[in-house]
Amino acid sequence: SGIEQTEPMHYRYIEDCPFPKKTQRKIFEICAGATVSFELVMAVIERE
C-alpha cells in the first residue's frame, strides 16, 4: 500500500530450511518489501 508502518517487523522462519535464521530474515525482508508471501517464495526456492 506504500503506507509506512511503525510496529516492529514480525519475522517468520521455515524450521527445516538449511538457511540460518539471519539469511531467512533477509529473505523475509525482501518479501515484505515487495509484499509477496515469504512462505510462497521459500516454497519456490525449495522447488527450484
All heavy atoms as atom14 arrays in JSON, in Angstrom:
{
  "sequence": "SGIEQTEPMHYRYIEDCPFPKKTQRKIFEICAGATVSFELVMAVIERE",
  "atom14_mask": [
    [1, 1, 1, 1, 1, 1, 0, 0, 0, 0, 0, 0, 0, 0],
    [1, 1, 1, 1, 0, 0, 0, 0, 0, 0, 0, 0, 0, 0],
    [1, 1, 1, 1, 1, 1, 1, 1, 0, 0, 0, 0, 0, 0],
    [1, 1, 1, 1, 1, 1, 1, 1, 1, 0, 0, 0, 0, 0],
    [1, 1, 1, 1, 1, 1, 1, 1, 1, 0, 0, 0, 0, 0],
    [1, 1, 1, 1, 1, 1, 1, 0, 0, 0, 0, 0, 0, 0],
    [1, 1, 1, 1, 1, 1, 1, 1, 1, 0, 0, 0, 0, 0],
    [1, 1, 1, 1, 1, 1, 1, 0, 0, 0, 0, 0, 0, 0],
    [1, 1, 1, 1, 1, 1, 1, 1, 0, 0, 0, 0, 0, 0],
    [1, 1, 1, 1, 1, 1, 1, 1, 1, 1, 0, 0, 0, 0],
    [1, 1, 1, 1, 1, 1, 1, 1, 1, 1, 1, 1, 0, 0],
    [1, 1, 1, 1, 1, 1, 1, 1, 1, 1, 1, 0, 0, 0],
    [1, 1, 1, 1, 1, 1, 1, 1, 1, 1, 1, 1, 0, 0],
    [1, 1, 1, 1, 1, 1, 1, 1, 0, 0, 0, 0, 0, 0],
    [1, 1, 1, 1, 1, 1, 1, 1, 1, 0, 0, 0, 0, 0],
    [1, 1, 1, 1, 1, 1, 1, 1, 0, 0, 0, 0, 0, 0],
    [1, 1, 1, 1, 1, 1, 0, 0, 0, 0, 0, 0, 0, 0],
    [1, 1, 1, 1, 1, 1, 1, 0, 0, 0, 0, 0, 0, 0],
    [1, 1, 1, 1, 1, 1, 1, 1, 1, 1, 1, 0, 0, 0],
    [1, 1, 1, 1, 1, 1, 1, 0, 0, 0, 0, 0, 0, 0],
    [1, 1, 1, 1, 1, 1, 1, 1, 1, 0, 0, 0, 0, 0],
    [1, 1, 1, 1, 1, 1, 1, 1, 1, 0, 0, 0, 0, 0],
    [1, 1, 1, 1, 1, 1, 1, 0, 0, 0, 0, 0, 0, 0],
    [1, 1, 1, 1, 1, 1, 1, 1, 1, 0, 0, 0, 0, 0],
    [1, 1, 1, 1, 1, 1, 1, 1, 1, 1, 1, 0, 0, 0],
    [1, 1, 1, 1, 1, 1, 1, 1, 1, 0, 0, 0, 0, 0],
    [1, 1, 1, 1, 1, 1, 1, 1, 0, 0, 0, 0, 0, 0],
    [1, 1, 1, 1, 1, 1, 1, 1, 1, 1, 1, 0, 0, 0],
    [1, 1, 1, 1, 1, 1, 1, 1, 1, 0, 0, 0, 0, 0],
    [1, 1, 1, 1, 1, 1, 1, 1, 0, 0, 0, 0, 0, 0],
    [1, 1, 1, 1, 1, 1, 0, 0, 0, 0, 0, 0, 0, 0],
    [1, 1, 1, 1, 1, 0, 0, 0, 0, 0, 0, 0, 0, 0],
    [1, 1, 1, 1, 0, 0, 0, 0, 0, 0, 0, 0, 0, 0],
    [1, 1, 1, 1, 1, 0, 0, 0, 0, 0, 0, 0, 0, 0],
    [1, 1, 1, 1, 1, 1, 1, 0, 0, 0, 0, 0, 0, 0],
    [1, 1, 1, 1, 1, 1, 1, 0, 0, 0, 0, 0, 0, 0],
    [1, 1, 1, 1, 1, 1, 0, 0, 0, 0, 0, 0, 0, 0],
    [1, 1, 1, 1, 1, 1, 1, 1, 1, 1, 1, 0, 0, 0],
    [1, 1, 1, 1, 1, 1, 1, 1, 1, 0, 0, 0, 0, 0],
    [1, 1, 1, 1, 1, 1, 1, 1, 0, 0, 0, 0, 0, 0],
    [1, 1, 1, 1, 1, 1, 1, 0, 0, 0, 0, 0, 0, 0],
    [1, 1, 1, 1, 1, 1, 1, 1, 0, 0, 0, 0, 0, 0],
    [1, 1, 1, 1, 1, 0, 0, 0, 0, 0, 0, 0, 0, 0],
    [1, 1, 1, 1, 1, 1, 1, 0, 0, 0, 0, 0, 0, 0],
    [1, 1, 1, 1, 1, 1, 1, 1, 0, 0, 0, 0, 0, 0],
    [1, 1, 1, 1, 1, 1, 1, 1, 1, 0, 0, 0, 0, 0],
    [1, 1, 1, 1, 1, 1, 1, 1, 1, 1, 1, 0, 0, 0],
    [1, 1, 1, 1, 1, 1, 1, 1, 1, 0, 0, 0, 0, 0]
  ],
  "atom14_positions": [
    [[0.82, -1.2, 0.0], [0.0, 0.0, 0.0], [0.85, 1.26, 0.0], [0.37, 2.35, -0.25], [-0.89, 0.01, 1.25], [-0.1, 0.1, 2.42], [0.0, 0.0, 0.0], [0.0, 0.0, 0.0], [0.0, 0.0, 0.0], [0.0, 0.0, 0.0], [0.0, 0.0, 0.0], [0.0, 0.0, 0.0], [0.0, 0.0, 0.0], [0.0, 0.0, 0.0]],
    [[2.14, 1.1, 0.33], [3.03, 2.25, 0.38], [2.92, 3.04, 1.66], [3.56, 4.06, 1.84], [0.0, 0.0, 0.0], [0.0, 0.0, 0.0], [0.0, 0.0, 0.0], [0.0, 0.0, 0.0], [0.0, 0.0, 0.0], [0.0, 0.0, 0.0], [0.0, 0.0, 0.0], [0.0, 0.0, 0.0], [0.0, 0.0, 0.0], [0.0, 0.0, 0.0]],
    [[2.11, 2.56, 2.62], [1.95, 3.26, 3.89], [3.02, 2.8, 4.85], [3.2, 1.6, 5.09], [0.55, 2.98, 4.49], [-0.53, 3.47, 3.52], [0.41, 3.63, 5.85], [-1.93, 3.11, 3.97], [0.0, 0.0, 0.0], [0.0, 0.0, 0.0], [0.0, 0.0, 0.0], [0.0, 0.0, 0.0], [0.0, 0.0, 0.0], [0.0, 0.0, 0.0]],
    [[3.74, 3.74, 5.42], [4.81, 3.41, 6.35], [4.22, 2.92, 7.66], [3.29, 3.51, 8.2], [5.67, 4.66, 6.6], [7.01, 4.35, 7.26], [7.98, 3.7, 6.29], [7.79, 3.83, 5.08], [8.93, 3.07, 6.77], [0.0, 0.0, 0.0], [0.0, 0.0, 0.0], [0.0, 0.0, 0.0], [0.0, 0.0, 0.0], [0.0, 0.0, 0.0]],
    [[4.75, 1.81, 8.18], [4.29, 1.25, 9.43], [5.27, 1.61, 10.54], [6.44, 1.88, 10.3], [4.17, -0.28, 9.31], [3.25, -0.73, 8.17], [1.81, -0.37, 8.4], [1.34, -0.41, 9.53], [1.11, -0.01, 7.34], [0.0, 0.0, 0.0], [0.0, 0.0, 0.0], [0.0, 0.0, 0.0], [0.0, 0.0, 0.0], [0.0, 0.0, 0.0]],
    [[4.79, 1.55, 11.77], [5.64, 1.9, 12.9], [5.9, 0.72, 13.82], [6.74, 0.82, 14.7], [4.99, 3.03, 13.71], [3.69, 2.6, 14.16], [4.86, 4.29, 12.87], [0.0, 0.0, 0.0], [0.0, 0.0, 0.0], [0.0, 0.0, 0.0], [0.0, 0.0, 0.0], [0.0, 0.0, 0.0], [0.0, 0.0, 0.0], [0.0, 0.0, 0.0]],
    [[5.18, -0.39, 13.65], [5.39, -1.54, 14.51], [6.64, -2.3, 14.09], [7.07, -2.23, 12.94], [4.19, -2.48, 14.44], [2.89, -1.9, 14.95], [2.19, -1.06, 13.91], [2.7, -1.02, 12.76], [1.16, -0.45, 14.23], [0.0, 0.0, 0.0], [0.0, 0.0, 0.0], [0.0, 0.0, 0.0], [0.0, 0.0, 0.0], [0.0, 0.0, 0.0]],
    [[7.24, -3.07, 15.03], [8.4, -3.9, 14.67], [8.01, -4.94, 13.64], [6.87, -5.37, 13.58], [8.78, -4.56, 16.0], [8.17, -3.71, 17.05], [6.92, -3.16, 16.46], [0.0, 0.0, 0.0], [0.0, 0.0, 0.0], [0.0, 0.0, 0.0], [0.0, 0.0, 0.0], [0.0, 0.0, 0.0], [0.0, 0.0, 0.0], [0.0, 0.0, 0.0]],
    [[8.98, -5.33, 12.83], [8.72, -6.37, 11.84], [8.58, -7.72, 12.54], [9.34, -8.05, 13.44], [9.86, -6.42, 10.82], [9.62, -7.4, 9.7], [10.92, -7.32, 8.44], [10.49, -5.78, 7.62], [0.0, 0.0, 0.0], [0.0, 0.0, 0.0], [0.0, 0.0, 0.0], [0.0, 0.0, 0.0], [0.0, 0.0, 0.0], [0.0, 0.0, 0.0]],
    [[7.61, -8.51, 12.14], [7.37, -9.82, 12.72], [7.93, -10.88, 11.79], [7.33, -11.22, 10.78], [5.87, -10.03, 12.94], [5.25, -9.03, 13.87], [5.34, -9.14, 15.24], [4.56, -7.9, 13.62], [4.71, -8.12, 15.8], [4.24, -7.36, 14.84], [0.0, 0.0, 0.0], [0.0, 0.0, 0.0], [0.0, 0.0, 0.0], [0.0, 0.0, 0.0]],
    [[9.1, -11.4, 12.15], [9.75, -12.38, 11.29], [9.14, -13.77, 11.47], [8.64, -14.12, 12.53], [11.25, -12.45, 11.61], [12.01, -11.25, 11.16], [12.24, -10.2, 12.03], [12.49, -11.16, 9.86], [12.94, -9.08, 11.62], [13.19, -10.04, 9.44], [13.41, -9.01, 10.33], [14.1, -7.9, 9.91], [0.0, 0.0, 0.0], [0.0, 0.0, 0.0]],
    [[9.19, -14.53, 10.39], [8.79, -15.94, 10.43], [9.92, -16.77, 9.82], [10.71, -16.26, 9.03], [7.48, -16.16, 9.66], [6.32, -15.38, 10.23], [4.98, -15.87, 9.64], [4.87, -15.68, 8.2], [4.43, -14.56, 7.61], [4.1, -13.5, 8.35], [4.33, -14.48, 6.29], [0.0, 0.0, 0.0], [0.0, 0.0, 0.0], [0.0, 0.0, 0.0]],
    [[9.96, -18.04, 10.17], [11.04, -18.91, 9.72], [10.49, -20.24, 9.24], [9.41, -20.66, 9.62], [12.04, -19.15, 10.86], [12.59, -17.89, 11.46], [12.05, -17.36, 12.63], [13.63, -17.21, 10.85], [12.54, -16.18, 13.17], [14.12, -16.04, 11.39], [13.57, -15.53, 12.55], [14.05, -14.36, 13.08], [0.0, 0.0, 0.0], [0.0, 0.0, 0.0]],
    [[11.28, -20.9, 8.4], [10.98, -22.26, 7.97], [11.9, -23.18, 8.76], [13.12, -23.14, 8.6], [11.22, -22.43, 6.46], [10.42, -21.38, 5.66], [10.85, -23.85, 6.03], [8.93, -21.39, 5.9], [0.0, 0.0, 0.0], [0.0, 0.0, 0.0], [0.0, 0.0, 0.0], [0.0, 0.0, 0.0], [0.0, 0.0, 0.0], [0.0, 0.0, 0.0]],
    [[11.31, -24.0, 9.61], [12.1, -24.78, 10.58], [13.09, -25.73, 9.91], [14.21, -25.86, 10.37], [11.15, -25.57, 11.48], [10.48, -24.72, 12.56], [11.48, -24.19, 13.58], [12.51, -24.84, 13.81], [11.21, -23.12, 14.14], [0.0, 0.0, 0.0], [0.0, 0.0, 0.0], [0.0, 0.0, 0.0], [0.0, 0.0, 0.0], [0.0, 0.0, 0.0]],
    [[12.68, -26.42, 8.87], [13.56, -27.43, 8.25], [14.45, -26.86, 7.16], [15.18, -27.62, 6.51], [12.71, -28.56, 7.68], [11.97, -29.33, 8.76], [12.47, -29.38, 9.89], [10.88, -29.87, 8.46], [0.0, 0.0, 0.0], [0.0, 0.0, 0.0], [0.0, 0.0, 0.0], [0.0, 0.0, 0.0], [0.0, 0.0, 0.0], [0.0, 0.0, 0.0]],
    [[14.4, -25.58, 6.94], [15.24, -24.95, 5.92], [16.7, -24.95, 6.36], [16.99, -24.67, 7.53], [14.75, -23.52, 5.69], [15.81, -22.56, 4.59], [0.0, 0.0, 0.0], [0.0, 0.0, 0.0], [0.0, 0.0, 0.0], [0.0, 0.0, 0.0], [0.0, 0.0, 0.0], [0.0, 0.0, 0.0], [0.0, 0.0, 0.0], [0.0, 0.0, 0.0]],
    [[17.65, -25.25, 5.46], [19.06, -25.26, 5.84], [19.65, -23.87, 6.05], [20.76, -23.75, 6.56], [19.73, -25.96, 4.66], [18.84, -25.71, 3.5], [17.45, -25.71, 4.06], [0.0, 0.0, 0.0], [0.0, 0.0, 0.0], [0.0, 0.0, 0.0], [0.0, 0.0, 0.0], [0.0, 0.0, 0.0], [0.0, 0.0, 0.0], [0.0, 0.0, 0.0]],
    [[18.93, -22.81, 5.66], [19.45, -21.47, 5.85], [19.41, -21.08, 7.32], [18.44, -21.38, 8.02], [18.63, -20.44, 5.08], [18.6, -20.63, 3.59], [17.55, -20.14, 2.84], [19.62, -21.29, 2.93], [17.5, -20.31, 1.47], [19.59, -21.47, 1.55], [18.52, -20.97, 0.83], [0.0, 0.0, 0.0], [0.0, 0.0, 0.0], [0.0, 0.0, 0.0]],
    [[20.44, -20.39, 7.8], [20.38, -19.86, 9.17], [19.3, -18.79, 9.28], [18.84, -18.23, 8.27], [21.77, -19.27, 9.38], [22.27, -18.95, 8.01], [21.69, -20.01, 7.11], [0.0, 0.0, 0.0], [0.0, 0.0, 0.0], [0.0, 0.0, 0.0], [0.0, 0.0, 0.0], [0.0, 0.0, 0.0], [0.0, 0.0, 0.0], [0.0, 0.0, 0.0]],
    [[18.89, -18.48, 10.5], [17.83, -17.5, 10.7], [18.2, -16.13, 10.13], [17.34, -15.41, 9.62], [17.5, -17.37, 12.19], [16.63, -18.5, 12.71], [16.12, -18.21, 14.11], [15.1, -19.27, 14.54], [14.56, -18.97, 15.89], [0.0, 0.0, 0.0], [0.0, 0.0, 0.0], [0.0, 0.0, 0.0], [0.0, 0.0, 0.0], [0.0, 0.0, 0.0]],
    [[19.48, -15.77, 10.19], [19.9, -14.48, 9.66], [19.57, -14.38, 8.17], [19.07, -13.35, 7.7], [21.39, -14.27, 9.88], [21.91, -12.94, 9.35], [23.4, -12.79, 9.64], [23.93, -11.47, 9.09], [25.38, -11.31, 9.35], [0.0, 0.0, 0.0], [0.0, 0.0, 0.0], [0.0, 0.0, 0.0], [0.0, 0.0, 0.0], [0.0, 0.0, 0.0]],
    [[19.85, -15.44, 7.42], [19.55, -15.45, 5.99], [18.05, -15.44, 5.75], [17.55, -14.73, 4.87], [20.18, -16.68, 5.32], [21.6, -16.63, 5.49], [19.86, -16.71, 3.83], [0.0, 0.0, 0.0], [0.0, 0.0, 0.0], [0.0, 0.0, 0.0], [0.0, 0.0, 0.0], [0.0, 0.0, 0.0], [0.0, 0.0, 0.0], [0.0, 0.0, 0.0]],
    [[17.32, -16.22, 6.53], [15.86, -16.23, 6.38], [15.26, -14.87, 6.67], [14.3, -14.46, 6.02], [15.24, -17.3, 7.29], [15.57, -18.72, 6.89], [14.61, -19.73, 7.49], [13.4, -19.6, 7.37], [15.16, -20.74, 8.15], [0.0, 0.0, 0.0], [0.0, 0.0, 0.0], [0.0, 0.0, 0.0], [0.0, 0.0, 0.0], [0.0, 0.0, 0.0]],
    [[15.82, -14.16, 7.65], [15.32, -12.81, 7.94], [15.52, -11.89, 6.74], [14.64, -11.08, 6.4], [16.05, -12.23, 9.16], [15.63, -12.83, 10.48], [16.51, -12.3, 11.58], [16.26, -13.01, 12.83], [17.14, -13.11, 13.81], [18.33, -12.55, 13.68], [16.82, -13.75, 14.91], [0.0, 0.0, 0.0], [0.0, 0.0, 0.0], [0.0, 0.0, 0.0]],
    [[16.69, -11.99, 6.13], [16.95, -11.15, 4.96], [15.98, -11.47, 3.82], [15.49, -10.56, 3.14], [18.4, -11.36, 4.49], [19.45, -10.86, 5.47], [19.41, -9.35, 5.62], [20.56, -8.85, 6.47], [20.51, -7.39, 6.66], [0.0, 0.0, 0.0], [0.0, 0.0, 0.0], [0.0, 0.0, 0.0], [0.0, 0.0, 0.0], [0.0, 0.0, 0.0]],
    [[15.7, -12.74, 3.62], [14.73, -13.12, 2.59], [13.35, -12.61, 2.98], [12.6, -12.11, 2.12], [14.73, -14.65, 2.4], [16.07, -15.11, 1.82], [13.57, -15.08, 1.49], [16.23, -16.61, 1.73], [0.0, 0.0, 0.0], [0.0, 0.0, 0.0], [0.0, 0.0, 0.0], [0.0, 0.0, 0.0], [0.0, 0.0, 0.0], [0.0, 0.0, 0.0]],
    [[13.01, -12.71, 4.25], [11.72, -12.2, 4.71], [11.6, -10.71, 4.43], [10.55, -10.22, 4.01], [11.55, -12.47, 6.21], [10.18, -12.17, 6.74], [9.22, -13.16, 6.82], [9.84, -10.89, 7.13], [7.94, -12.89, 7.3], [8.57, -10.6, 7.61], [7.62, -11.61, 7.7], [0.0, 0.0, 0.0], [0.0, 0.0, 0.0], [0.0, 0.0, 0.0]],
    [[12.68, -9.96, 4.66], [12.67, -8.51, 4.42], [12.45, -8.21, 2.94], [11.71, -7.29, 2.58], [13.98, -7.9, 4.9], [14.14, -7.9, 6.41], [15.58, -7.73, 6.85], [16.43, -7.39, 6.0], [15.86, -7.95, 8.04], [0.0, 0.0, 0.0], [0.0, 0.0, 0.0], [0.0, 0.0, 0.0], [0.0, 0.0, 0.0], [0.0, 0.0, 0.0]],
    [[13.09, -8.99, 2.07], [12.9, -8.81, 0.62], [11.44, -9.05, 0.26], [10.82, -8.28, -0.49], [13.82, -9.75, -0.16], [15.29, -9.35, 0.04], [13.48, -9.73, -1.66], [16.29, -10.38, -0.46], [0.0, 0.0, 0.0], [0.0, 0.0, 0.0], [0.0, 0.0, 0.0], [0.0, 0.0, 0.0], [0.0, 0.0, 0.0], [0.0, 0.0, 0.0]],
    [[10.87, -10.13, 0.79], [9.47, -10.45, 0.52], [8.54, -9.37, 1.06], [7.58, -8.96, 0.39], [9.11, -11.8, 1.14], [9.97, -13.21, 0.41], [0.0, 0.0, 0.0], [0.0, 0.0, 0.0], [0.0, 0.0, 0.0], [0.0, 0.0, 0.0], [0.0, 0.0, 0.0], [0.0, 0.0, 0.0], [0.0, 0.0, 0.0], [0.0, 0.0, 0.0]],
    [[8.83, -8.9, 2.27], [7.99, -7.87, 2.88], [8.04, -6.59, 2.05], [7.02, -5.92, 1.87], [8.45, -7.59, 4.31], [0.0, 0.0, 0.0], [0.0, 0.0, 0.0], [0.0, 0.0, 0.0], [0.0, 0.0, 0.0], [0.0, 0.0, 0.0], [0.0, 0.0, 0.0], [0.0, 0.0, 0.0], [0.0, 0.0, 0.0], [0.0, 0.0, 0.0]],
    [[9.21, -6.25, 1.54], [9.34, -5.04, 0.74], [8.53, -5.1, -0.53], [8.06, -4.07, -1.04], [0.0, 0.0, 0.0], [0.0, 0.0, 0.0], [0.0, 0.0, 0.0], [0.0, 0.0, 0.0], [0.0, 0.0, 0.0], [0.0, 0.0, 0.0], [0.0, 0.0, 0.0], [0.0, 0.0, 0.0], [0.0, 0.0, 0.0], [0.0, 0.0, 0.0]],
    [[8.36, -6.3, -1.08], [7.57, -6.48, -2.3], [6.14, -6.88, -2.0], [5.31, -6.96, -2.9], [8.22, -7.55, -3.18], [0.0, 0.0, 0.0], [0.0, 0.0, 0.0], [0.0, 0.0, 0.0], [0.0, 0.0, 0.0], [0.0, 0.0, 0.0], [0.0, 0.0, 0.0], [0.0, 0.0, 0.0], [0.0, 0.0, 0.0], [0.0, 0.0, 0.0]],
    [[5.83, -7.12, -0.73], [4.54, -7.64, -0.28], [4.16, -8.91, -1.03], [3.08, -9.04, -1.58], [3.42, -6.58, -0.39], [3.96, -5.3, -0.08], [2.29, -6.88, 0.58], [0.0, 0.0, 0.0], [0.0, 0.0, 0.0], [0.0, 0.0, 0.0], [0.0, 0.0, 0.0], [0.0, 0.0, 0.0], [0.0, 0.0, 0.0], [0.0, 0.0, 0.0]],
    [[5.11, -9.83, -1.05], [4.9, -11.17, -1.59], [5.12, -12.15, -0.44], [6.01, -11.97, 0.38], [5.87, -11.46, -2.75], [5.76, -12.89, -3.22], [5.62, -10.49, -3.9], [0.0, 0.0, 0.0], [0.0, 0.0, 0.0], [0.0, 0.0, 0.0], [0.0, 0.0, 0.0], [0.0, 0.0, 0.0], [0.0, 0.0, 0.0], [0.0, 0.0, 0.0]],
    [[4.31, -13.18, -0.37], [4.36, -14.13, 0.73], [5.74, -14.76, 0.9], [6.3, -15.33, -0.03], [3.32, -15.24, 0.5], [3.57, -16.33, 1.36], [0.0, 0.0, 0.0], [0.0, 0.0, 0.0], [0.0, 0.0, 0.0], [0.0, 0.0, 0.0], [0.0, 0.0, 0.0], [0.0, 0.0, 0.0], [0.0, 0.0, 0.0], [0.0, 0.0, 0.0]],
    [[6.28, -14.66, 2.11], [7.55, -15.29, 2.45], [7.47, -16.79, 2.26], [8.37, -17.42, 1.68], [7.9, -14.94, 3.9], [9.0, -15.76, 4.5], [10.32, -15.6, 4.09], [8.72, -16.69, 5.5], [11.35, -16.36, 4.65], [9.74, -17.44, 6.08], [11.05, -17.27, 5.66], [0.0, 0.0, 0.0], [0.0, 0.0, 0.0], [0.0, 0.0, 0.0]],
    [[6.38, -17.4, 2.74], [6.24, -18.85, 2.63], [6.16, -19.3, 1.17], [6.7, -20.34, 0.8], [5.0, -19.31, 3.4], [5.15, -19.33, 4.91], [5.02, -17.95, 5.54], [4.6, -17.0, 4.84], [5.34, -17.82, 6.74], [0.0, 0.0, 0.0], [0.0, 0.0, 0.0], [0.0, 0.0, 0.0], [0.0, 0.0, 0.0], [0.0, 0.0, 0.0]],
    [[5.5, -18.51, 0.35], [5.41, -18.85, -1.07], [6.78, -18.77, -1.74], [7.16, -19.65, -2.51], [4.43, -17.91, -1.78], [4.12, -18.24, -3.24], [3.44, -19.59, -3.36], [3.27, -17.16, -3.88], [0.0, 0.0, 0.0], [0.0, 0.0, 0.0], [0.0, 0.0, 0.0], [0.0, 0.0, 0.0], [0.0, 0.0, 0.0], [0.0, 0.0, 0.0]],
    [[7.54, -17.74, -1.43], [8.89, -17.59, -2.0], [9.78, -18.74, -1.55], [10.54, -19.31, -2.35], [9.49, -16.23, -1.62], [10.97, -16.18, -1.96], [8.74, -15.11, -2.35], [0.0, 0.0, 0.0], [0.0, 0.0, 0.0], [0.0, 0.0, 0.0], [0.0, 0.0, 0.0], [0.0, 0.0, 0.0], [0.0, 0.0, 0.0], [0.0, 0.0, 0.0]],
    [[9.7, -19.11, -0.28], [10.52, -20.22, 0.21], [10.12, -21.53, -0.47], [10.97, -22.39, -0.74], [10.4, -20.33, 1.72], [10.99, -19.14, 2.47], [12.78, -18.94, 2.23], [13.39, -20.15, 3.4], [0.0, 0.0, 0.0], [0.0, 0.0, 0.0], [0.0, 0.0, 0.0], [0.0, 0.0, 0.0], [0.0, 0.0, 0.0], [0.0, 0.0, 0.0]],
    [[8.84, -21.67, -0.77], [8.39, -22.86, -1.49], [8.93, -22.88, -2.92], [9.3, -23.94, -3.44], [6.86, -22.92, -1.51], [0.0, 0.0, 0.0], [0.0, 0.0, 0.0], [0.0, 0.0, 0.0], [0.0, 0.0, 0.0], [0.0, 0.0, 0.0], [0.0, 0.0, 0.0], [0.0, 0.0, 0.0], [0.0, 0.0, 0.0], [0.0, 0.0, 0.0]],
    [[8.98, -21.71, -3.56], [9.58, -21.61, -4.9], [11.06, -21.98, -4.84], [11.56, -22.73, -5.68], [9.39, -20.2, -5.48], [10.22, -20.04, -6.76], [7.92, -19.93, -5.77], [0.0, 0.0, 0.0], [0.0, 0.0, 0.0], [0.0, 0.0, 0.0], [0.0, 0.0, 0.0], [0.0, 0.0, 0.0], [0.0, 0.0, 0.0], [0.0, 0.0, 0.0]],
    [[11.77, -21.46, -3.84], [13.19, -21.75, -3.7], [13.42, -23.25, -3.52], [14.31, -23.84, -4.16], [13.79, -20.97, -2.51], [13.81, -19.47, -2.82], [15.2, -21.47, -2.19], [14.21, -18.6, -1.65], [0.0, 0.0, 0.0], [0.0, 0.0, 0.0], [0.0, 0.0, 0.0], [0.0, 0.0, 0.0], [0.0, 0.0, 0.0], [0.0, 0.0, 0.0]],
    [[12.61, -23.87, -2.68], [12.77, -25.32, -2.47], [12.53, -26.08, -3.76], [13.28, -27.01, -4.09], [11.82, -25.8, -1.38], [11.95, -27.29, -1.12], [11.17, -27.78, 0.07], [10.66, -26.94, 0.84], [11.07, -29.01, 0.25], [0.0, 0.0, 0.0], [0.0, 0.0, 0.0], [0.0, 0.0, 0.0], [0.0, 0.0, 0.0], [0.0, 0.0, 0.0]],
    [[11.49, -25.7, -4.5], [11.18, -26.4, -5.76], [12.25, -26.15, -6.81], [12.66, -27.06, -7.54], [9.82, -25.95, -6.27], [9.42, -26.5, -7.65], [9.31, -28.01, -7.66], [9.13, -28.53, -9.01], [8.02, -29.06, -9.48], [6.95, -29.15, -8.7], [7.95, -29.52, -10.72], [0.0, 0.0, 0.0], [0.0, 0.0, 0.0], [0.0, 0.0, 0.0]],
    [[12.73, -24.93, -6.92], [13.67, -24.57, -7.99], [15.08, -25.11, -7.75], [15.73, -25.58, -8.68], [13.72, -23.05, -8.15], [12.46, -22.42, -8.7], [12.29, -22.65, -10.2], [13.22, -23.19, -10.84], [11.22, -22.29, -10.73], [0.0, 0.0, 0.0], [0.0, 0.0, 0.0], [0.0, 0.0, 0.0], [0.0, 0.0, 0.0], [0.0, 0.0, 0.0]]
  ]
}
